[in-house]
Amino acid sequence: CFVSRRLGLAAMLYVVCLICFPRAYLGYHYPTDLLVGATIGAVCAYVFNLEVARRWLAAPVVAWERSAPRCFYMGLFFLTLQFATLFDSLRGSALAAYHLAEKVLAHR
């Protein structure tokens, strides 16, 4: 919506018709869940598009990308991989660490 109003409207219609409506119809989410999620997304997009937020958030990231591109892109790859897999590996590691700590503390 910030780049092109027409493209933003097309993307919003796509999301409503092909993602949100089926999820509500099939009972995966309540309509209020979807409305609250859309509201949170819209507010975050608006706030993060403000000049002060872009300067405060983006400046360190851009500086890191310019100073150490290999580390930056490797970190970005792992971050996007975690989003794509819903943090399964991190959750599994955290659960294993929790069970290990539980056993260690039980033997004391």
Protein backbone atom coordinates (compact mmCIF):
# COMPACT_ATOMS: atom_id res chain seq x y z
CA CYS A 1 0.00 0.00 0.00
CA PHE A 2 2.93 2.35 0.65
CA VAL A 3 4.36 1.79 -2.82
CA SER A 4 1.22 1.42 -4.94
CA ARG A 5 -2.36 1.77 -3.82
CA ARG A 6 -3.59 -0.43 -6.67
CA LEU A 7 -1.04 -3.17 -5.94
CA GLY A 8 -1.81 -2.94 -2.22
CA LEU A 9 -5.52 -3.37 -2.88
CA ALA A 10 -4.84 -6.39 -5.12
CA ALA A 11 -2.63 -7.95 -2.42
CA MET A 12 -5.28 -7.29 0.23
CA LEU A 13 -7.99 -8.92 -1.89
CA TYR A 14 -5.74 -11.91 -2.50
CA VAL A 15 -5.09 -12.33 1.22
CA VAL A 16 -8.74 -11.92 2.19
CA CYS A 17 -10.13 -14.24 -0.52
CA LEU A 18 -7.49 -16.95 -0.72
CA ILE A 19 -5.98 -17.00 2.77
CA CYS A 20 -8.27 -15.47 5.40
CA PHE A 21 -11.71 -16.59 4.21
CA PRO A 22 -10.79 -20.28 3.83
CA ARG A 23 -9.12 -20.29 7.26
CA ALA A 24 -12.25 -18.85 8.88
CA TYR A 25 -14.60 -21.07 6.84
CA LEU A 26 -12.70 -24.25 7.73
CA GLY A 27 -12.59 -23.28 11.40
CA TYR A 28 -8.83 -22.84 11.73
CA HIS A 29 -9.34 -19.29 13.05
CA TYR A 30 -12.16 -17.19 14.40
CA PRO A 31 -12.93 -14.11 12.27
CA THR A 32 -11.87 -11.95 15.22
CA ASP A 33 -8.43 -13.63 15.19
CA LEU A 34 -8.02 -12.64 11.56
CA LEU A 35 -9.21 -9.07 12.17
CA VAL A 36 -6.85 -8.62 15.12
CA GLY A 37 -3.97 -10.09 13.11
CA ALA A 38 -4.72 -7.73 10.21
CA THR A 39 -4.91 -4.78 12.60
CA ILE A 40 -1.61 -5.66 14.24
CA GLY A 41 0.00 -6.09 10.82
CA ALA A 42 -1.34 -2.76 9.54
CA VAL A 43 -0.22 -0.87 12.66
CA CYS A 44 3.25 -2.45 12.53
CA ALA A 45 3.58 -1.65 8.81
CA TYR A 46 2.56 1.97 9.45
CA VAL A 47 4.89 2.42 12.42
CA PHE A 48 7.86 0.74 10.74
CA ASN A 49 7.34 2.90 7.65
CA LEU A 50 7.76 6.11 9.65
CA GLU A 51 11.05 7.90 8.98
CA VAL A 52 12.21 7.76 12.60
CA ALA A 53 11.56 4.02 12.82
CA ARG A 54 13.31 3.33 9.52
CA ARG A 55 16.32 5.34 10.64
CA TRP A 56 16.42 3.72 14.10
CA LEU A 57 15.83 0.14 12.92
CA ALA A 58 17.31 0.04 9.43
CA ALA A 59 20.51 2.03 9.98
CA PRO A 60 22.26 -0.62 12.12
CA VAL A 61 21.13 -3.42 9.81
CA VAL A 62 22.35 -1.61 6.68
CA ALA A 63 25.63 -0.77 8.42
CA TRP A 64 26.09 -4.44 9.33
CA GLU A 65 25.30 -5.51 5.76
CA ARG A 66 27.90 -3.09 4.38
CA SER A 67 30.61 -3.88 6.92
CA ALA A 68 30.30 -7.68 6.98
CA PRO A 69 28.18 -8.90 4.04
CA ARG A 70 29.14 -12.56 4.46
CA CYS A 71 28.01 -12.66 8.09
CA PHE A 72 24.94 -10.57 7.33
CA TYR A 73 23.65 -12.80 4.52
CA MET A 74 24.45 -15.96 6.44
CA GLY A 75 22.50 -14.62 9.43
CA LEU A 76 19.65 -13.49 7.20
CA PHE A 77 19.51 -16.94 5.59
CA PHE A 78 19.26 -18.66 8.98
CA LEU A 79 16.65 -16.17 10.22
CA THR A 80 14.44 -16.65 7.15
CA LEU A 81 14.93 -20.42 7.38
CA GLN A 82 13.68 -20.30 10.97
CA PHE A 83 10.62 -18.30 9.91
CA ALA A 84 9.93 -20.76 7.10
CA THR A 85 10.18 -23.77 9.43
CA LEU A 86 8.35 -22.01 12.27
CA PHE A 87 11.43 -22.22 14.51
CA ASP A 88 11.11 -26.03 14.75
CA SER A 89 14.84 -26.61 15.25
CA LEU A 90 15.10 -23.90 17.92
CA ARG A 91 12.04 -25.19 19.72
CA GLY A 92 13.43 -28.73 19.61
CA SER A 93 16.80 -27.56 20.95
CA ALA A 94 15.14 -25.55 23.71
CA LEU A 95 12.95 -28.51 24.68
CA ALA A 96 15.97 -30.84 24.78
CA ALA A 97 17.88 -28.33 26.95
CA TYR A 98 14.86 -28.04 29.25
CA HIS A 99 14.62 -31.83 29.70
CA LEU A 100 18.37 -32.08 30.27
CA ALA A 101 18.25 -29.35 32.91
CA GLU A 102 15.25 -31.07 34.49
CA LYS A 103 17.19 -34.33 34.79
CA VAL A 104 20.31 -32.63 36.12
CA LEU A 105 18.32 -30.75 38.75
CA ALA A 106 16.38 -33.91 39.71
CA HIS A 107 19.61 -35.74 40.55
CA ARG A 108 20.76 -33.05 42.98
